[in-house]
């Protein structure tokens, strides 16, 4: 159990140092991937989206998602692959907590009805350190 806690702490540190991820949803029977800004608190992963985007519709059809991070410019070069489920949240407290001034380009403020948070709940994480050491975390 202690090893799992240490791994979760290490994964959270890697997430903290990666601003972006490739986020994949399922559209019909095909994967669809896009880059998104990544926000996290430990292994609680949040992505910001507009309620009117296709990805929100895709998640309502199929909540299974995949994230890949670590290779992006400014990333840690530790590769993290996350499998999980994603829900669309318009929880006001969470929206205010995640809100950043740069979102004003897309939304009128944290109370904008189109501003939603995509909450990813990891079920499996594969982590490969920059030195090539592999680890797996399973919920």
Protein backbone atom coordinates (compact mmCIF):
# COMPACT_ATOMS: atom_id res chain seq x y z
CA UNK A 1 0.00 0.00 0.00
CA UNK A 2 2.83 2.39 0.85
CA UNK A 3 4.41 1.77 -2.58
CA UNK A 4 1.14 2.77 -4.27
CA UNK A 5 1.01 6.02 -2.27
CA UNK A 6 4.61 6.85 -3.23
CA UNK A 7 3.81 6.12 -6.88
CA UNK A 8 0.71 8.36 -6.71
CA UNK A 9 2.84 11.17 -5.26
CA UNK A 10 5.43 10.74 -8.02
CA UNK A 11 2.74 10.70 -10.70
CA UNK A 12 1.20 13.86 -9.24
CA UNK A 13 4.60 15.60 -9.47
CA UNK A 14 4.91 14.62 -13.12
CA UNK A 15 1.38 15.87 -13.82
CA UNK A 16 2.23 19.14 -12.04
CA UNK A 17 5.11 19.73 -14.46
CA UNK A 18 3.25 19.05 -17.71
CA UNK A 19 1.00 21.83 -18.93
CA UNK A 20 -0.48 19.98 -21.89
CA UNK A 21 -1.68 16.54 -22.85
CA UNK A 22 -3.05 14.73 -25.86
CA UNK A 23 -6.67 13.96 -24.95
CA UNK A 24 -8.47 11.17 -26.83
CA UNK A 25 -12.19 10.47 -26.90
CA UNK A 26 -14.22 8.07 -29.02
CA UNK A 27 -16.24 9.53 -31.88
CA UNK A 28 -18.41 6.78 -33.29
CA UNK A 29 -16.03 3.82 -33.29
CA UNK A 30 -12.86 5.84 -33.87
CA UNK A 31 -10.45 7.58 -31.53
CA UNK A 32 -10.26 11.35 -31.79
CA UNK A 33 -7.31 13.17 -30.26
CA UNK A 34 -6.54 16.80 -29.53
CA UNK A 35 -4.09 18.78 -27.37
CA UNK A 36 -5.50 20.35 -24.25
CA UNK A 37 -4.24 22.26 -21.24
CA UNK A 38 -3.92 20.00 -18.20
CA UNK A 39 -4.86 21.01 -14.65
CA UNK A 40 -4.55 18.68 -11.71
CA UNK A 41 -4.67 18.31 -7.97
CA UNK A 42 -2.82 15.12 -7.27
CA UNK A 43 -4.39 12.50 -9.53
CA UNK A 44 -7.58 14.56 -9.92
CA UNK A 45 -7.28 15.65 -13.54
CA UNK A 46 -9.21 18.56 -15.02
CA UNK A 47 -9.47 19.90 -18.56
CA UNK A 48 -11.34 23.04 -19.57
CA UNK A 49 -13.86 22.96 -22.39
CA UNK A 50 -16.73 24.76 -24.00
CA UNK A 51 -20.05 23.01 -23.47
CA UNK A 52 -20.80 23.40 -27.19
CA UNK A 53 -17.80 21.39 -28.46
CA UNK A 54 -17.91 17.97 -30.07
CA UNK A 55 -15.84 16.44 -27.28
CA UNK A 56 -18.63 17.11 -24.79
CA UNK A 57 -21.07 15.29 -27.08
CA UNK A 58 -18.56 12.46 -27.54
CA UNK A 59 -18.19 12.05 -23.76
CA UNK A 60 -21.94 11.81 -23.33
CA UNK A 61 -21.93 8.91 -25.83
CA UNK A 62 -18.80 7.21 -24.45
CA UNK A 63 -17.01 8.41 -21.28
CA UNK A 64 -13.81 6.37 -21.88
CA UNK A 65 -10.77 8.55 -22.53
CA UNK A 66 -7.03 8.39 -22.87
CA UNK A 67 -4.41 11.02 -22.09
CA UNK A 68 -0.78 11.08 -23.16
CA UNK A 69 1.68 13.56 -21.75
CA UNK A 70 5.36 14.20 -21.34
CA UNK A 71 6.53 14.81 -24.90
CA UNK A 72 5.02 18.26 -25.31
CA UNK A 73 7.26 21.31 -25.42
CA UNK A 74 8.13 22.14 -21.84
CA UNK A 75 7.08 18.67 -20.67
CA UNK A 76 9.12 16.50 -18.33
CA UNK A 77 10.03 13.87 -20.96
CA UNK A 78 8.61 11.31 -18.53
CA UNK A 79 5.87 9.62 -20.55
CA UNK A 80 2.51 9.17 -18.84
CA UNK A 81 -0.36 7.28 -20.47
CA UNK A 82 -3.66 7.54 -18.64
CA UNK A 83 -6.79 5.49 -19.26
CA UNK A 84 -9.93 6.62 -17.49
CA UNK A 85 -13.45 7.86 -17.61
CA UNK A 86 -14.46 11.46 -18.01
CA UNK A 87 -17.47 13.42 -16.83
CA UNK A 88 -18.55 16.91 -17.75
CA UNK A 89 -18.93 19.11 -14.68
CA UNK A 90 -20.44 22.52 -14.29
CA UNK A 91 -19.87 22.50 -10.52
CA UNK A 92 -19.53 26.19 -9.62
CA UNK A 93 -16.92 25.68 -6.91
CA UNK A 94 -14.70 23.59 -9.18
CA UNK A 95 -15.13 26.06 -12.07
CA UNK A 96 -13.97 28.92 -9.83
CA UNK A 97 -11.08 26.86 -8.50
CA UNK A 98 -9.80 25.97 -12.00
CA UNK A 99 -10.50 29.42 -13.56
CA UNK A 100 -7.51 31.27 -15.03
CA UNK A 101 -7.44 34.82 -16.45
CA UNK A 102 -6.41 33.46 -19.87
CA UNK A 103 -9.83 31.77 -20.14
CA UNK A 104 -11.34 35.24 -20.64
CA UNK A 105 -10.46 34.86 -24.34
CA UNK A 106 -13.14 32.13 -24.60
CA UNK A 107 -15.51 32.70 -21.69
CA UNK A 108 -17.04 35.71 -19.96
CA UNK A 109 -16.02 34.40 -16.53
CA UNK A 110 -16.24 31.40 -14.22
CA UNK A 111 -20.04 31.69 -14.26
CA UNK A 112 -20.28 31.49 -18.07
CA UNK A 113 -22.79 28.68 -18.77
CA UNK A 114 -20.61 27.34 -21.61
CA UNK A 115 -17.54 26.98 -19.37
CA UNK A 116 -17.31 23.37 -18.17
CA UNK A 117 -14.65 21.22 -16.54
CA UNK A 118 -13.87 17.77 -17.87
CA UNK A 119 -13.02 15.59 -14.88
CA UNK A 120 -10.89 12.58 -15.69
CA UNK A 121 -10.94 9.69 -13.25
CA UNK A 122 -7.88 7.51 -13.95
CA UNK A 123 -8.33 3.76 -13.84
CA UNK A 124 -4.89 2.84 -15.19
CA UNK A 125 -1.70 4.86 -15.55
CA UNK A 126 1.46 3.69 -17.25
CA UNK A 127 4.51 5.78 -16.42
CA UNK A 128 7.86 5.58 -18.19
CA UNK A 129 10.54 7.77 -16.64
CA UNK A 130 12.97 9.68 -18.84
CA UNK A 131 15.55 7.02 -17.88
CA UNK A 132 13.30 4.27 -19.32
CA UNK A 133 12.03 2.78 -16.05
CA UNK A 134 8.39 1.62 -16.37
CA UNK A 135 5.69 1.57 -13.69
CA UNK A 136 1.98 0.86 -13.73
CA UNK A 137 -0.68 2.26 -11.41
CA UNK A 138 -4.14 0.66 -11.35
CA UNK A 139 -7.07 2.02 -9.38
